[in-house]
Amino acid sequence: MSLWTELRGTGVTAFAVAPGATATEFTTGMGPDARVLTAGRLRTPEDVVATALDHLDRRDPGPTVIDGRLNRLAVLSSRLMSRRRSALTMARVFDPGRLSASHPAR
């Protein structure tokens, strides 16, 4: 955010892209539990680039852009929760024990 602020008015635009779950080697490397974590809905790298370019085309792009409707909804819902509730929810979502129980080894 500070880089975005420092560069305002210089003709250079900087912003952060929050891609969420994207079909890349990183997500593939998460193993079989990745489908549970991402609810099977992965954005493509092309989707993320399109979001970034659309953001860049705006008259006054902000310091961040979130790719994907579900990702924006997740961010909004986390802002409506207390930090404690948000942290506890994320701990439950990413709990390895829960993931193993829901998808037993075959």
C-alpha atoms as a PDB file:
ATOM      1  CA  MET A   1       0.000   0.000   0.000  1.00  0.00           C
ATOM      2  CA  SER A   2       2.840   2.393   0.744  1.00  0.00           C
ATOM      3  CA  LEU A   3       4.363   1.818  -2.721  1.00  0.00           C
ATOM      4  CA  TRP A   4       0.975   2.599  -4.304  1.00  0.00           C
ATOM      5  CA  THR A   5       0.830   5.794  -2.231  1.00  0.00           C
ATOM      6  CA  GLU A   6       4.406   6.845  -3.030  1.00  0.00           C
ATOM      7  CA  LEU A   7       3.892   6.365  -6.768  1.00  0.00           C
ATOM      8  CA  ARG A   8       0.628   8.276  -7.062  1.00  0.00           C
ATOM      9  CA  GLY A   9       0.951  11.084  -9.574  1.00  0.00           C
ATOM     10  CA  THR A  10       4.217   9.772 -11.063  1.00  0.00           C
ATOM     11  CA  GLY A  11       2.671   7.932 -14.015  1.00  0.00           C
ATOM     12  CA  VAL A  12       3.665   4.569 -12.538  1.00  0.00           C
ATOM     13  CA  THR A  13       0.914   2.355 -11.162  1.00  0.00           C
ATOM     14  CA  ALA A  14       1.562  -0.303  -8.536  1.00  0.00           C
ATOM     15  CA  PHE A  15      -1.025  -2.497  -6.870  1.00  0.00           C
ATOM     16  CA  ALA A  16      -1.304  -5.880  -5.205  1.00  0.00           C
ATOM     17  CA  VAL A  17      -3.360  -8.712  -6.678  1.00  0.00           C
ATOM     18  CA  ALA A  18      -4.965 -11.192  -4.268  1.00  0.00           C
ATOM     19  CA  PRO A  19      -5.602 -14.219  -6.477  1.00  0.00           C
ATOM     20  CA  GLY A  20      -7.054 -16.732  -4.032  1.00  0.00           C
ATOM     21  CA  ALA A  21      -7.044 -20.377  -5.145  1.00  0.00           C
ATOM     22  CA  THR A  22      -5.557 -20.525  -8.630  1.00  0.00           C
ATOM     23  CA  ALA A  23      -4.772 -23.550 -10.800  1.00  0.00           C
ATOM     24  CA  THR A  24      -0.974 -23.429 -10.608  1.00  0.00           C
ATOM     25  CA  GLU A  25       1.812 -25.784  -9.537  1.00  0.00           C
ATOM     26  CA  PHE A  26       1.555 -24.299  -6.038  1.00  0.00           C
ATOM     27  CA  THR A  27      -2.029 -25.519  -5.645  1.00  0.00           C
ATOM     28  CA  THR A  28      -1.248 -28.850  -7.311  1.00  0.00           C
ATOM     29  CA  GLY A  29       1.605 -29.295  -4.819  1.00  0.00           C
ATOM     30  CA  MET A  30      -0.897 -29.121  -1.961  1.00  0.00           C
ATOM     31  CA  GLY A  31      -1.894 -32.708  -2.721  1.00  0.00           C
ATOM     32  CA  PRO A  32      -5.347 -34.278  -2.686  1.00  0.00           C
ATOM     33  CA  ASP A  33      -6.580 -32.029   0.127  1.00  0.00           C
ATOM     34  CA  ALA A  34      -6.384 -29.004  -2.188  1.00  0.00           C
ATOM     35  CA  ARG A  35      -9.819 -29.833  -3.606  1.00  0.00           C
ATOM     36  CA  VAL A  36     -11.328 -29.617  -0.127  1.00  0.00           C
ATOM     37  CA  LEU A  37      -9.592 -26.319   0.655  1.00  0.00           C
ATOM     38  CA  THR A  38     -10.607 -24.723  -2.625  1.00  0.00           C
ATOM     39  CA  ALA A  39     -14.077 -26.293  -2.772  1.00  0.00           C
ATOM     40  CA  GLY A  40     -12.992 -27.553  -6.198  1.00  0.00           C
ATOM     41  CA  ARG A  41     -13.211 -24.038  -7.631  1.00  0.00           C
ATOM     42  CA  LEU A  42      -9.872 -22.889  -8.920  1.00  0.00           C
ATOM     43  CA  ARG A  43      -9.376 -19.728 -10.932  1.00  0.00           C
ATOM     44  CA  THR A  44      -7.073 -19.946 -13.930  1.00  0.00           C
ATOM     45  CA  PRO A  45      -3.931 -17.837 -14.238  1.00  0.00           C
ATOM     46  CA  GLU A  46      -5.632 -16.188 -17.228  1.00  0.00           C
ATOM     47  CA  ASP A  47      -8.561 -15.190 -14.976  1.00  0.00           C
ATOM     48  CA  VAL A  48      -6.167 -13.555 -12.529  1.00  0.00           C
ATOM     49  CA  VAL A  49      -4.318 -11.678 -15.278  1.00  0.00           C
ATOM     50  CA  ALA A  50      -7.624 -10.472 -16.762  1.00  0.00           C
ATOM     51  CA  THR A  51      -8.682  -9.172 -13.343  1.00  0.00           C
ATOM     52  CA  ALA A  52      -5.348  -7.362 -12.916  1.00  0.00           C
ATOM     53  CA  LEU A  53      -5.518  -5.797 -16.382  1.00  0.00           C
ATOM     54  CA  ASP A  54      -9.141  -4.718 -15.863  1.00  0.00           C
ATOM     55  CA  HIS A  55      -8.092  -3.096 -12.586  1.00  0.00           C
ATOM     56  CA  LEU A  56      -5.194  -1.354 -14.315  1.00  0.00           C
ATOM     57  CA  ASP A  57      -7.579   0.017 -16.975  1.00  0.00           C
ATOM     58  CA  ARG A  58      -9.620   1.866 -14.335  1.00  0.00           C
ATOM     59  CA  ARG A  59      -9.291   5.624 -14.206  1.00  0.00           C
ATOM     60  CA  ASP A  60      -7.899   5.552 -10.647  1.00  0.00           C
ATOM     61  CA  PRO A  61      -6.960   1.962  -9.691  1.00  0.00           C
ATOM     62  CA  GLY A  62      -6.739   1.340  -5.967  1.00  0.00           C
ATOM     63  CA  PRO A  63      -3.873  -0.305  -4.091  1.00  0.00           C
ATOM     64  CA  THR A  64      -5.355  -3.817  -4.231  1.00  0.00           C
ATOM     65  CA  VAL A  65      -7.627  -5.982  -6.332  1.00  0.00           C
ATOM     66  CA  ILE A  66      -9.160  -9.339  -5.344  1.00  0.00           C
ATOM     67  CA  ASP A  67      -9.668 -11.877  -8.118  1.00  0.00           C
ATOM     68  CA  GLY A  68     -12.897 -13.840  -8.253  1.00  0.00           C
ATOM     69  CA  ARG A  69     -16.363 -13.338  -6.855  1.00  0.00           C
ATOM     70  CA  LEU A  70     -15.962 -16.049  -4.189  1.00  0.00           C
ATOM     71  CA  ASN A  71     -12.661 -14.577  -3.034  1.00  0.00           C
ATOM     72  CA  ARG A  72     -14.201 -11.107  -2.718  1.00  0.00           C
ATOM     73  CA  LEU A  73     -17.100 -12.615  -0.770  1.00  0.00           C
ATOM     74  CA  ALA A  74     -14.674 -14.417   1.563  1.00  0.00           C
ATOM     75  CA  VAL A  75     -12.776 -11.193   2.231  1.00  0.00           C
ATOM     76  CA  LEU A  76     -15.988  -9.294   2.877  1.00  0.00           C
ATOM     77  CA  SER A  77     -17.283 -11.950   5.276  1.00  0.00           C
ATOM     78  CA  SER A  78     -13.984 -11.994   7.170  1.00  0.00           C
ATOM     79  CA  ARG A  79     -14.262  -8.211   7.604  1.00  0.00           C
ATOM     80  CA  LEU A  80     -17.706  -8.624   9.122  1.00  0.00           C
ATOM     81  CA  MET A  81     -16.414 -11.109  11.707  1.00  0.00           C
ATOM     82  CA  SER A  82     -14.264 -10.281  14.683  1.00  0.00           C
ATOM     83  CA  ARG A  83     -10.561 -11.032  14.238  1.00  0.00           C
ATOM     84  CA  ARG A  84     -10.882 -13.823  16.781  1.00  0.00           C
ATOM     85  CA  ARG A  85     -13.802 -15.458  14.956  1.00  0.00           C
ATOM     86  CA  SER A  86     -12.041 -15.061  11.617  1.00  0.00           C
ATOM     87  CA  ALA A  87      -8.855 -16.701  12.966  1.00  0.00           C
ATOM     88  CA  LEU A  88     -10.820 -19.578  14.517  1.00  0.00           C
ATOM     89  CA  THR A  89     -12.741 -20.127  11.279  1.00  0.00           C
ATOM     90  CA  MET A  90      -9.556 -20.247   9.218  1.00  0.00           C
ATOM     91  CA  ALA A  91      -7.957 -22.628  11.723  1.00  0.00           C
ATOM     92  CA  ARG A  92     -10.947 -24.944  11.324  1.00  0.00           C
ATOM     93  CA  VAL A  93     -10.889 -24.721   7.525  1.00  0.00           C
ATOM     94  CA  PHE A  94      -7.190 -25.532   7.304  1.00  0.00           C
ATOM     95  CA  ASP A  95      -7.088 -28.143  10.103  1.00  0.00           C
ATOM     96  CA  PRO A  96      -5.204 -31.170   8.681  1.00  0.00           C
ATOM     97  CA  GLY A  97      -7.184 -33.521  10.937  1.00  0.00           C
ATOM     98  CA  ARG A  98     -10.492 -32.316   9.519  1.00  0.00           C
ATOM     99  CA  LEU A  99      -9.203 -32.666   5.982  1.00  0.00           C
ATOM    100  CA  SER A 100      -7.999 -36.215   6.543  1.00  0.00           C
ATOM    101  CA  ALA A 101     -11.302 -37.224   8.172  1.00  0.00           C
ATOM    102  CA  SER A 102     -13.377 -35.847   5.308  1.00  0.00           C
ATOM    103  CA  HIS A 103     -11.230 -37.539   2.634  1.00  0.00           C
ATOM    104  CA  PRO A 104      -9.879 -40.841   3.983  1.00  0.00           C
ATOM    105  CA  ALA A 105      -6.925 -42.421   2.197  1.00  0.00           C
ATOM    106  CA  ARG A 106      -7.920 -44.821  -0.530  1.00  0.00           C
END
